[in-house]
Amino acid sequence: MTDLEKKAAMDPSGFVVLAEHVPSIVQEIRYYSTYNFIGDRIDCYEEPAALCTQEAARALKAAANELNVLGYRIKVFDAYRPAGAVRHFVLWGIEDTDIRMKPYFYPDLNKTELFEKGYIASKSSHSRGSTVDVTLLDMKTGKEVDMGGPFDFFSELSHPDYRGVTDEQYENRMLLQNVMVRSGFVPYDCEWWHFTLKDEPYPDTYFEFPVSADYLRK
């Protein structure tokens, strides 16, 4: 990486704190917590905040507005993910023998298969700042909508078009997907929760700065 590329990777000027632009969202930033497929807080997550590019925030606001009318709120599990966090994933997958979270997130797969099957990438679109992991929250019940499987469950069950779920669960997935697509996002065929802005502003830059609202305001 050249000095210019390193400088660009640490530049947060095109990013925003998502909740400040989309006040209706609910956040549960899993990689700041220990309830994730590794079982530890992930490197570079300094705050439980969702950050993303300005363009992704505008598109997600459009999706949130449409869903609010239908009685739902968007719940965000992850947005911008620093490249250092992705390296944490990769090192865990290659070197770490710890499988304590296997029963909850990848019961039917070995760690190496998580990479082979596309559930974990050595370079993530999240690091470009315009990818989000989301679900729906029913405003009447205050609970997550039933998608037929949880976030970060690494299995064919998580494929958006998987038909082994109930009709209602499949319709819930399609509701989320259709609204996100109308708002300018592209779905991912392995994960019903994962969406990347079609016209992302930084398609070739993998950012390194931490998940920190304070860092954006420096």
Foldseek 3Di string as FASTA:
>chain_A
DDPVQQVVQADCQQKDFLCVLQVQEAEDAPLCALPAQQRHRFPQAPDRTEMFGPLLSVLVNQLQVVVVVVQKGKYFHYAADALSRLVSLVCCLPPNPDRPNCVPAPVPDRSVVCDVVPVRDNADPSLLGFKTFIFIAGNVVRHTDQLQHDPRRQDQSFFLPDPPGDPRNNVRLVSSVVSSVVSQWDDDRRHSRMTGGPPRPRRPHRHHHGNDNVSNVD
